[in-house]
Amino acid sequence: MPRYRVTSRVDASPETVWAVLLDKMEHPQRYIEDALDAEILERGVSGVVRQLVLPGGVAFRERITADSRRRTVTFTLLDHPVYDGTVVNELQVSPGGEVELAFELDWTARPGCVDDRDPEEPLALIRSSVMHTKRIAEALENGR
């Protein structure tokens, strides 16, 4: 699967957007439409290990680390049945103060597994995730 990167400008403060990115670690159901269940299995200084359950009984663990200095949250697949890789959510602030979200998905099929997804599906998913996160941050910023 190719690497996908999607960016969008966000009309919210960096503090609001960062708070939303951190909330995604703890409450994925607010951000992933098809998340059926999520459980934090371990907590550490810079992140968590959580189990996520998706439709069709797909369950996997992922290590999620937050780096406040780089303004990134990295989701690393630990035992997905098909894929290895990461998703990085990055908060960028331009010298002029504009805030932008950049999400990058970099997954590859595990040895012995077949990647039979339509190549447009992961791009659509990451694009949808960026836009959904943007809407939540902007609504929080505006008190809605």
C-alpha atoms as a PDB file:
ATOM      1  CA  MET A   1       0.000   0.000   0.000  1.00  0.00           C
ATOM      2  CA  PRO A   2       1.450   3.401  -0.843  1.00  0.00           C
ATOM      3  CA  ARG A   3       2.034   6.065   1.780  1.00  0.00           C
ATOM      4  CA  TYR A   4      -0.795   8.592   2.022  1.00  0.00           C
ATOM      5  CA  ARG A   5      -0.531  12.135   3.412  1.00  0.00           C
ATOM      6  CA  VAL A   6      -3.488  14.487   3.761  1.00  0.00           C
ATOM      7  CA  THR A   7      -3.389  18.031   5.148  1.00  0.00           C
ATOM      8  CA  SER A   8      -6.004  20.626   5.993  1.00  0.00           C
ATOM      9  CA  ARG A   9      -5.983  24.108   7.467  1.00  0.00           C
ATOM     10  CA  VAL A  10      -7.831  24.332  10.797  1.00  0.00           C
ATOM     11  CA  ASP A  11      -9.527  27.454  12.155  1.00  0.00           C
ATOM     12  CA  ALA A  12      -8.622  26.751  15.776  1.00  0.00           C
ATOM     13  CA  SER A  13      -5.756  27.495  18.135  1.00  0.00           C
ATOM     14  CA  PRO A  14      -2.811  25.103  18.322  1.00  0.00           C
ATOM     15  CA  GLU A  15      -3.796  24.363  21.936  1.00  0.00           C
ATOM     16  CA  THR A  16      -7.307  23.285  20.931  1.00  0.00           C
ATOM     17  CA  VAL A  17      -6.064  21.112  18.074  1.00  0.00           C
ATOM     18  CA  TRP A  18      -3.418  19.483  20.289  1.00  0.00           C
ATOM     19  CA  ALA A  19      -6.066  18.725  22.935  1.00  0.00           C
ATOM     20  CA  VAL A  20      -8.193  17.029  20.265  1.00  0.00           C
ATOM     21  CA  LEU A  21      -5.240  14.929  19.072  1.00  0.00           C
ATOM     22  CA  LEU A  22      -4.586  13.797  22.648  1.00  0.00           C
ATOM     23  CA  ASP A  23      -8.289  12.998  23.121  1.00  0.00           C
ATOM     24  CA  LYS A  24      -8.116  10.692  20.077  1.00  0.00           C
ATOM     25  CA  MET A  25      -5.710   8.488  22.024  1.00  0.00           C
ATOM     26  CA  GLU A  26      -8.221   7.900  24.807  1.00  0.00           C
ATOM     27  CA  HIS A  27     -11.549   8.077  22.935  1.00  0.00           C
ATOM     28  CA  PRO A  28     -11.213   6.705  19.395  1.00  0.00           C
ATOM     29  CA  GLN A  29     -14.975   6.188  19.043  1.00  0.00           C
ATOM     30  CA  ARG A  30     -15.345   9.986  18.806  1.00  0.00           C
ATOM     31  CA  TYR A  31     -13.013  10.052  15.785  1.00  0.00           C
ATOM     32  CA  ILE A  32     -13.261   6.663  14.060  1.00  0.00           C
ATOM     33  CA  GLU A  33     -16.776   6.146  12.773  1.00  0.00           C
ATOM     34  CA  ASP A  34     -16.622   2.357  12.634  1.00  0.00           C
ATOM     35  CA  ALA A  35     -14.805   1.763  15.961  1.00  0.00           C
ATOM     36  CA  LEU A  36     -16.974  -0.699  17.862  1.00  0.00           C
ATOM     37  CA  ASP A  37     -14.885  -0.912  21.013  1.00  0.00           C
ATOM     38  CA  ALA A  38     -11.633   0.421  22.425  1.00  0.00           C
ATOM     39  CA  GLU A  39      -9.760  -0.384  25.593  1.00  0.00           C
ATOM     40  CA  ILE A  40      -6.578   1.112  27.027  1.00  0.00           C
ATOM     41  CA  LEU A  41      -4.379  -1.863  27.967  1.00  0.00           C
ATOM     42  CA  GLU A  42      -1.253  -0.022  29.171  1.00  0.00           C
ATOM     43  CA  ARG A  43      -0.339   3.541  30.118  1.00  0.00           C
ATOM     44  CA  GLY A  44       3.121   5.043  29.928  1.00  0.00           C
ATOM     45  CA  VAL A  45       4.782   8.436  30.206  1.00  0.00           C
ATOM     46  CA  SER A  46       4.385   9.322  26.526  1.00  0.00           C
ATOM     47  CA  GLY A  47       1.447   7.199  25.476  1.00  0.00           C
ATOM     48  CA  VAL A  48      -0.735   4.148  25.673  1.00  0.00           C
ATOM     49  CA  VAL A  49      -1.315   0.720  24.188  1.00  0.00           C
ATOM     50  CA  ARG A  50      -4.924   0.226  23.252  1.00  0.00           C
ATOM     51  CA  GLN A  51      -7.000  -2.490  21.651  1.00  0.00           C
ATOM     52  CA  LEU A  52      -9.408  -1.433  18.949  1.00  0.00           C
ATOM     53  CA  VAL A  53     -12.273  -3.529  17.565  1.00  0.00           C
ATOM     54  CA  LEU A  54     -13.686  -2.778  14.119  1.00  0.00           C
ATOM     55  CA  PRO A  55     -16.601  -4.286  12.166  1.00  0.00           C
ATOM     56  CA  GLY A  56     -16.217  -7.913  11.184  1.00  0.00           C
ATOM     57  CA  GLY A  57     -14.482  -8.707  14.467  1.00  0.00           C
ATOM     58  CA  VAL A  58     -11.160  -7.182  13.410  1.00  0.00           C
ATOM     59  CA  ALA A  59      -9.321  -6.568  16.680  1.00  0.00           C
ATOM     60  CA  PHE A  60      -5.771  -5.300  17.046  1.00  0.00           C
ATOM     61  CA  ARG A  61      -3.478  -3.491  19.421  1.00  0.00           C
ATOM     62  CA  GLU A  62      -1.632  -0.281  18.693  1.00  0.00           C
ATOM     63  CA  ARG A  63       0.976   1.723  20.559  1.00  0.00           C
ATOM     64  CA  ILE A  64       0.106   5.427  20.568  1.00  0.00           C
ATOM     65  CA  THR A  65       2.775   7.943  21.493  1.00  0.00           C
ATOM     66  CA  ALA A  66       2.447  11.694  21.814  1.00  0.00           C
ATOM     67  CA  ASP A  67       5.417  13.999  21.285  1.00  0.00           C
ATOM     68  CA  SER A  68       4.437  17.487  22.453  1.00  0.00           C
ATOM     69  CA  ARG A  69       7.711  19.011  21.246  1.00  0.00           C
ATOM     70  CA  ARG A  70       7.179  17.794  17.667  1.00  0.00           C
ATOM     71  CA  ARG A  71       3.377  18.051  18.004  1.00  0.00           C
ATOM     72  CA  THR A  72       2.830  14.534  16.713  1.00  0.00           C
ATOM     73  CA  VAL A  73       0.753  11.574  17.777  1.00  0.00           C
ATOM     74  CA  THR A  74       1.944   8.286  16.277  1.00  0.00           C
ATOM     75  CA  PHE A  75      -0.245   5.187  16.054  1.00  0.00           C
ATOM     76  CA  THR A  76       1.906   2.067  15.529  1.00  0.00           C
ATOM     77  CA  LEU A  77       0.165  -1.204  14.676  1.00  0.00           C
ATOM     78  CA  LEU A  78       1.305  -4.021  16.986  1.00  0.00           C
ATOM     79  CA  ASP A  79      -0.691  -7.045  15.879  1.00  0.00           C
ATOM     80  CA  HIS A  80      -3.065  -6.078  13.086  1.00  0.00           C
ATOM     81  CA  PRO A  81      -4.148  -9.213  11.189  1.00  0.00           C
ATOM     82  CA  VAL A  82      -3.106  -7.783   7.785  1.00  0.00           C
ATOM     83  CA  TYR A  83      -0.924  -4.676   8.142  1.00  0.00           C
ATOM     84  CA  ASP A  84       2.218  -3.359   9.801  1.00  0.00           C
ATOM     85  CA  GLY A  85       2.920   0.341   9.957  1.00  0.00           C
ATOM     86  CA  THR A  86       1.988   3.688  11.398  1.00  0.00           C
ATOM     87  CA  VAL A  87      -0.372   6.607  11.182  1.00  0.00           C
ATOM     88  CA  VAL A  88       1.081   9.953  12.245  1.00  0.00           C
ATOM     89  CA  ASN A  89      -1.137  12.905  13.184  1.00  0.00           C
ATOM     90  CA  GLU A  90       0.856  16.134  13.093  1.00  0.00           C
ATOM     91  CA  LEU A  91      -0.082  19.634  14.187  1.00  0.00           C
ATOM     92  CA  GLN A  92       1.751  22.269  12.162  1.00  0.00           C
ATOM     93  CA  VAL A  93       1.820  26.012  12.839  1.00  0.00           C
ATOM     94  CA  SER A  94       3.138  28.355  10.151  1.00  0.00           C
ATOM     95  CA  PRO A  95       5.277  31.386  11.004  1.00  0.00           C
ATOM     96  CA  GLY A  96       2.135  33.446  10.344  1.00  0.00           C
ATOM     97  CA  GLY A  97       0.191  31.456  12.949  1.00  0.00           C
ATOM     98  CA  GLU A  98      -1.952  29.347  10.593  1.00  0.00           C
ATOM     99  CA  VAL A  99      -2.768  25.923  12.005  1.00  0.00           C
ATOM    100  CA  GLU A 100      -2.750  22.815   9.838  1.00  0.00           C
ATOM    101  CA  LEU A 101      -3.358  19.127  10.466  1.00  0.00           C
ATOM    102  CA  ALA A 102      -1.327  16.583   8.531  1.00  0.00           C
ATOM    103  CA  PHE A 103      -2.161  12.879   8.770  1.00  0.00           C
ATOM    104  CA  GLU A 104       0.114  10.305   7.176  1.00  0.00           C
ATOM    105  CA  LEU A 105      -0.761   6.625   6.783  1.00  0.00           C
ATOM    106  CA  ASP A 106       2.135   4.260   6.041  1.00  0.00           C
ATOM    107  CA  TRP A 107       0.980   0.641   6.124  1.00  0.00           C
ATOM    108  CA  THR A 108       2.321  -2.435   4.359  1.00  0.00           C
ATOM    109  CA  ALA A 109       0.871  -5.935   4.203  1.00  0.00           C
ATOM    110  CA  ARG A 110       2.407  -8.301   6.747  1.00  0.00           C
ATOM    111  CA  PRO A 111       4.443 -11.208   5.372  1.00  0.00           C
ATOM    112  CA  GLY A 112       2.078 -13.845   4.004  1.00  0.00           C
ATOM    113  CA  CYS A 113      -0.892 -11.473   3.926  1.00  0.00           C
ATOM    114  CA  VAL A 114      -2.578 -10.108   0.845  1.00  0.00           C
ATOM    115  CA  ASP A 115      -3.540  -6.437   0.636  1.00  0.00           C
ATOM    116  CA  ASP A 116      -6.814  -6.671  -1.278  1.00  0.00           C
ATOM    117  CA  ARG A 117      -8.134  -3.173  -0.497  1.00  0.00           C
ATOM    118  CA  ASP A 118      -9.077  -0.795  -3.223  1.00  0.00           C
ATOM    119  CA  PRO A 119      -6.099   1.627  -3.313  1.00  0.00           C
ATOM    120  CA  GLU A 120      -8.491   4.570  -3.012  1.00  0.00           C
ATOM    121  CA  GLU A 121     -10.031   3.278   0.253  1.00  0.00           C
ATOM    122  CA  PRO A 122      -7.100   4.138   2.585  1.00  0.00           C
ATOM    123  CA  LEU A 123      -6.807   7.593   1.027  1.00  0.00           C
ATOM    124  CA  ALA A 124     -10.524   8.195   1.554  1.00  0.00           C
ATOM    125  CA  LEU A 125     -10.272   6.990   5.165  1.00  0.00           C
ATOM    126  CA  ILE A 126      -7.332   9.236   6.043  1.00  0.00           C
ATOM    127  CA  ARG A 127      -8.956  12.201   4.280  1.00  0.00           C
ATOM    128  CA  SER A 128     -12.189  11.594   6.224  1.00  0.00           C
ATOM    129  CA  SER A 129     -10.227  11.334   9.482  1.00  0.00           C
ATOM    130  CA  VAL A 130      -8.488  14.672   8.899  1.00  0.00           C
ATOM    131  CA  MET A 131     -11.741  16.428   8.068  1.00  0.00           C
ATOM    132  CA  HIS A 132     -13.586  14.916  11.038  1.00  0.00           C
ATOM    133  CA  THR A 133     -10.791  15.923  13.435  1.00  0.00           C
ATOM    134  CA  LYS A 134     -10.765  19.429  11.912  1.00  0.00           C
ATOM    135  CA  ARG A 135     -14.531  19.797  12.433  1.00  0.00           C
ATOM    136  CA  ILE A 136     -14.256  18.723  16.081  1.00  0.00           C
ATOM    137  CA  ALA A 137     -11.397  21.159  16.789  1.00  0.00           C
ATOM    138  CA  GLU A 138     -13.201  24.049  15.088  1.00  0.00           C
ATOM    139  CA  ALA A 139     -16.432  23.299  16.968  1.00  0.00           C
ATOM    140  CA  LEU A 140     -14.563  23.261  20.288  1.00  0.00           C
ATOM    141  CA  GLU A 141     -12.831  26.505  19.412  1.00  0.00           C
ATOM    142  CA  ASN A 142     -16.181  28.145  18.673  1.00  0.00           C
ATOM    143  CA  GLY A 143     -17.907  26.732  21.762  1.00  0.00           C
ATOM    144  CA  ARG A 144     -20.276  24.445  19.838  1.00  0.00           C
END
